[in-house]
Amino acid sequence: MLSILSWNIQQGGGSRYLKIIDAIKAEAAHIVVLSEFRNNAKGKLILAAINKMGYSYFIHPSNTGSKNTVLLASKIDFLGSWFPNCDQKYSHSIVKGSFEAFDLYGCYLPHKKRHRLIGFLEEEISKSQKPAIIVGDINTGINGLDQKGNSFWYQDELKSLFDSGIKDAFRIKNGDRKEYSWFSHQGNGFRYDHSYVSEILASIVRECHYLHAYREQKYADHSPMILSLA
């Protein structure tokens, strides 16, 4: 099986970077996507460490310094790119790995900020001849399902993405189960972190689940997610 680990590592990892490295090593996924990756000293240490684990191919937006961005690192060769024109303010929010059999989009979409990134993903995917996989911190979901309340922005854009043929891999395997990847200080849960696949890939989704222990043990404030494809 092909396994993809996606994880918001919380503001670049900071003093927790060694724990993050240990977790990536323990999970041993073929591909890793880190949201809130920062192209700074700690980011370079994380990248150097996972490179030694065999993640020899990688892409992240350049010259972003302390900005929260996305790292896509893989043990499998791919053609990497990012999209300086995808959004006026948040051009560092999406990276793409074009693999032989699919295109993988790693995301860190801003929380409750005006952007056009979900629409951009839908447009980008429609141009490709390959199936698509989207993973990362999307910072939204379906109200009443991915949270108890109705405070999500971009629900309509997300539904449009689903209508275009993209499927929620977690829902494929888990139905309408309530499960959350991040909790507020008040204890309210939100499923911000997602794995989506083109409809043609839905039948080969073998696993899609969260690794809550890393959040509970304060490796980061989000739970990592594993997507496994046959």
Protein backbone atom coordinates (compact mmCIF):
# COMPACT_ATOMS: atom_id res chain seq x y z
CA MET A 1 0.00 0.00 0.00
CA LEU A 2 0.97 3.62 -0.54
CA SER A 3 0.76 5.67 2.66
CA ILE A 4 0.58 9.46 3.00
CA LEU A 5 1.06 11.20 6.34
CA SER A 6 -0.30 14.75 6.58
CA TRP A 7 0.14 16.89 9.68
CA ASN A 8 -0.11 20.49 10.84
CA ILE A 9 3.03 20.74 12.98
CA GLN A 10 2.01 24.04 14.67
CA GLN A 11 4.05 27.10 13.83
CA GLY A 12 6.96 25.28 12.27
CA GLY A 13 7.51 22.86 15.13
CA GLY A 14 9.57 25.13 17.39
CA SER A 15 11.07 23.34 20.37
CA ARG A 16 9.00 20.26 19.48
CA TYR A 17 10.88 19.61 16.26
CA LEU A 18 12.69 16.50 17.57
CA LYS A 19 9.36 14.95 18.59
CA ILE A 20 7.99 15.68 15.13
CA ILE A 21 11.01 14.03 13.52
CA ASP A 22 10.57 10.97 15.77
CA ALA A 23 6.88 10.71 14.86
CA ILE A 24 7.60 10.88 11.12
CA LYS A 25 10.21 8.15 11.54
CA ALA A 26 7.85 5.95 13.56
CA GLU A 27 5.00 6.19 11.02
CA ALA A 28 7.29 5.50 8.04
CA ALA A 29 4.86 6.75 5.40
CA HIS A 30 5.94 6.88 1.75
CA ILE A 31 4.95 10.56 1.48
CA VAL A 32 4.81 13.28 4.16
CA VAL A 33 2.96 16.60 3.92
CA LEU A 34 3.58 19.10 6.73
CA SER A 35 1.28 22.10 7.14
CA GLU A 36 2.54 25.15 9.05
CA PHE A 37 6.02 24.19 7.90
CA ARG A 38 8.36 27.17 8.07
CA ASN A 39 11.40 27.72 5.89
CA ASN A 40 13.56 28.70 8.88
CA ALA A 41 16.24 27.11 11.06
CA LYS A 42 13.91 24.50 12.61
CA GLY A 43 12.40 23.76 9.22
CA LYS A 44 15.83 23.09 7.79
CA LEU A 45 16.58 20.71 10.69
CA ILE A 46 13.34 18.81 10.08
CA LEU A 47 14.06 18.61 6.36
CA ALA A 48 17.63 17.42 6.90
CA ALA A 49 16.49 14.73 9.35
CA ILE A 50 13.77 13.30 7.14
CA ASN A 51 16.07 13.43 4.14
CA LYS A 52 18.26 10.94 6.02
CA MET A 53 15.17 8.72 6.42
CA GLY A 54 14.88 8.47 2.64
CA TYR A 55 12.61 11.41 1.87
CA SER A 56 14.94 12.48 -0.89
CA TYR A 57 12.41 14.41 -2.99
CA PHE A 58 10.69 17.51 -1.64
CA ILE A 59 9.02 20.81 -2.49
CA HIS A 60 8.07 23.85 -0.43
CA PRO A 61 7.55 27.49 -1.40
CA SER A 62 10.84 29.37 -1.26
CA ASN A 63 11.74 32.59 0.56
CA THR A 64 8.85 32.39 3.01
CA GLY A 65 10.89 32.73 6.21
CA SER A 66 8.58 32.72 9.22
CA LYS A 67 5.36 32.29 7.20
CA ASN A 68 3.33 29.13 7.68
CA THR A 69 3.55 27.12 4.48
CA VAL A 70 3.62 23.50 3.25
CA LEU A 71 6.33 20.88 2.82
CA LEU A 72 5.76 17.84 0.60
CA ALA A 73 8.51 15.24 1.03
CA SER A 74 8.58 11.81 -0.57
CA LYS A 75 10.56 8.61 -0.87
CA ILE A 76 9.19 8.39 -4.43
CA ASP A 77 10.34 10.72 -7.19
CA PHE A 78 7.91 13.41 -8.35
CA LEU A 79 7.83 16.68 -10.24
CA GLY A 80 7.20 19.44 -7.72
CA SER A 81 5.65 22.88 -8.12
CA TRP A 82 3.87 25.62 -6.26
CA PHE A 83 1.61 28.42 -7.40
CA PRO A 84 2.73 32.04 -6.91
CA ASN A 85 -0.46 33.27 -8.62
CA CYS A 86 -3.00 31.05 -6.88
CA ASP A 87 -4.04 33.83 -4.48
CA GLN A 88 -2.91 37.41 -3.99
CA LYS A 89 -2.12 37.01 -0.29
CA TYR A 90 -1.68 33.27 0.19
CA SER A 91 0.45 32.13 -2.73
CA HIS A 92 2.50 29.93 -0.37
CA SER A 93 -0.49 27.80 0.71
CA ILE A 94 -0.47 24.97 -1.85
CA VAL A 95 2.25 22.72 -3.25
CA LYS A 96 1.89 20.01 -5.87
CA GLY A 97 3.69 16.75 -6.41
CA SER A 98 3.06 15.24 -9.83
CA PHE A 99 3.65 11.49 -9.46
CA GLU A 100 3.38 8.92 -12.22
CA ALA A 101 -0.14 7.82 -11.25
CA PHE A 102 -1.65 10.90 -9.56
CA ASP A 103 -1.22 14.55 -8.64
CA LEU A 104 -0.88 15.25 -4.92
CA TYR A 105 -1.75 18.68 -3.52
CA GLY A 106 -0.44 19.55 -0.07
CA CYS A 107 -2.33 22.41 1.57
CA TYR A 108 -2.34 24.83 4.44
CA LEU A 109 -5.33 27.08 3.81
CA PRO A 110 -5.65 30.14 6.06
CA HIS A 111 -8.16 30.13 8.89
CA LYS A 112 -11.11 32.50 8.44
CA LYS A 113 -9.31 34.70 5.91
CA ARG A 114 -10.55 35.77 2.50
CA HIS A 115 -9.00 33.58 -0.20
CA ARG A 116 -9.84 31.80 -3.46
CA LEU A 117 -7.77 28.67 -2.84
CA ILE A 118 -10.50 26.01 -2.86
CA GLY A 119 -11.78 27.32 -6.18
CA PHE A 120 -8.21 27.36 -7.45
CA LEU A 121 -7.78 23.69 -6.50
CA GLU A 122 -10.98 22.79 -8.34
CA GLU A 123 -9.79 24.63 -11.45
CA GLU A 124 -6.31 23.11 -11.29
CA ILE A 125 -7.61 19.56 -10.90
CA SER A 126 -10.02 19.99 -13.82
CA LYS A 127 -7.07 20.70 -16.14
CA SER A 128 -5.18 17.52 -15.32
CA GLN A 129 -5.50 14.09 -16.91
CA LYS A 130 -4.41 12.43 -13.65
CA PRO A 131 -6.46 11.61 -10.56
CA ALA A 132 -5.94 14.02 -7.68
CA ILE A 133 -5.24 13.65 -3.98
CA ILE A 134 -5.57 16.66 -1.65
CA VAL A 135 -4.23 16.48 1.90
CA GLY A 136 -3.49 18.93 4.67
CA ASP A 137 -5.04 21.53 6.92
CA ILE A 138 -7.96 22.90 4.92
CA ASN A 139 -9.26 24.90 7.92
CA THR A 140 -12.87 24.29 7.04
CA GLY A 141 -15.37 21.46 6.74
CA ILE A 142 -19.08 20.74 6.66
CA ASN A 143 -21.02 22.52 9.39
CA GLY A 144 -22.81 20.19 11.80
CA LEU A 145 -20.71 17.24 10.64
CA ASP A 146 -17.06 18.27 10.95
CA GLN A 147 -17.92 20.44 13.96
CA LYS A 148 -20.98 20.68 16.21
CA GLY A 149 -21.64 24.32 15.29
CA ASN A 150 -21.87 26.27 12.05
CA SER A 151 -18.85 28.59 12.07
CA PHE A 152 -16.98 27.13 9.09
CA TRP A 153 -16.22 29.48 6.25
CA TYR A 154 -16.04 28.11 2.67
CA GLN A 155 -18.55 25.28 3.13
CA ASP A 156 -20.14 26.15 -0.22
CA GLU A 157 -16.77 26.11 -2.00
CA LEU A 158 -16.01 22.76 -0.41
CA LYS A 159 -19.34 21.33 -1.56
CA SER A 160 -18.58 22.58 -5.09
CA LEU A 161 -15.27 20.72 -4.95
CA PHE A 162 -17.13 17.55 -3.94
CA ASP A 163 -19.66 18.07 -6.71
CA SER A 164 -16.78 18.18 -9.20
CA GLY A 165 -15.86 14.58 -8.36
CA ILE A 166 -13.60 14.87 -5.31
CA LYS A 167 -14.42 12.56 -2.39
CA ASP A 168 -13.64 12.83 1.31
CA ALA A 169 -11.49 9.77 2.03
CA PHE A 170 -12.28 9.86 5.75
CA ARG A 171 -16.00 9.72 5.00
CA ILE A 172 -15.47 6.87 2.51
CA LYS A 173 -14.14 4.72 5.36
CA ASN A 174 -15.96 6.17 8.37
CA GLY A 175 -19.32 7.47 7.19
CA ASP A 176 -20.74 10.29 9.32
CA ARG A 177 -18.66 9.48 12.40
CA LYS A 178 -17.88 12.53 14.53
CA GLU A 179 -14.13 12.87 14.98
CA TYR A 180 -12.02 16.00 15.32
CA SER A 181 -8.39 16.86 14.57
CA TRP A 182 -8.12 20.08 16.62
CA PHE A 183 -9.73 21.37 19.81
CA SER A 184 -10.19 24.91 21.07
CA HIS A 185 -9.27 25.97 24.61
CA GLN A 186 -12.98 25.65 25.39
CA GLY A 187 -12.87 21.99 24.33
CA ASN A 188 -14.78 22.41 21.07
CA GLY A 189 -13.68 19.98 18.37
CA PHE A 190 -13.12 20.76 14.67
CA ARG A 191 -12.12 18.51 11.78
CA TYR A 192 -9.83 20.93 9.99
CA ASP A 193 -7.44 18.33 8.55
CA HIS A 194 -8.53 16.31 5.55
CA SER A 195 -7.63 13.82 2.84
CA TYR A 196 -9.60 14.03 -0.41
CA VAL A 197 -9.31 11.85 -3.51
CA SER A 198 -10.69 11.83 -7.04
CA GLU A 199 -13.70 9.56 -7.41
CA ILE A 200 -11.68 7.10 -9.50
CA LEU A 201 -9.42 6.49 -6.48
CA ALA A 202 -12.25 5.97 -3.97
CA SER A 203 -12.32 2.19 -4.42
CA ILE A 204 -8.64 1.83 -3.49
CA VAL A 205 -8.78 3.84 -0.26
CA ARG A 206 -7.81 1.24 2.34
CA GLU A 207 -7.38 3.42 5.42
CA CYS A 208 -7.98 7.02 6.38
CA HIS A 209 -7.63 7.82 10.06
CA TYR A 210 -6.16 10.22 12.60
CA LEU A 211 -3.28 9.59 14.99
CA HIS A 212 -4.65 11.43 18.02
CA ALA A 213 -1.95 10.29 20.44
CA TYR A 214 0.56 12.76 18.98
CA ARG A 215 -1.83 15.65 19.63
CA GLU A 216 -2.71 14.37 23.07
CA GLN A 217 1.00 14.10 23.92
CA LYS A 218 1.52 17.68 22.64
CA TYR A 219 3.77 16.93 19.69
CA ALA A 220 1.56 19.52 17.95
CA ASP A 221 -1.95 20.90 18.42
CA HIS A 222 -3.37 18.99 15.42
CA SER A 223 -3.72 15.24 14.98
CA PRO A 224 -1.76 13.78 12.06
CA MET A 225 -3.71 11.90 9.39
CA ILE A 226 -2.83 8.72 7.50
CA LEU A 227 -4.23 7.96 4.05
CA SER A 228 -3.44 4.50 2.63
CA LEU A 229 -4.18 3.48 -0.96
CA ALA A 230 -4.00 -0.01 -2.43
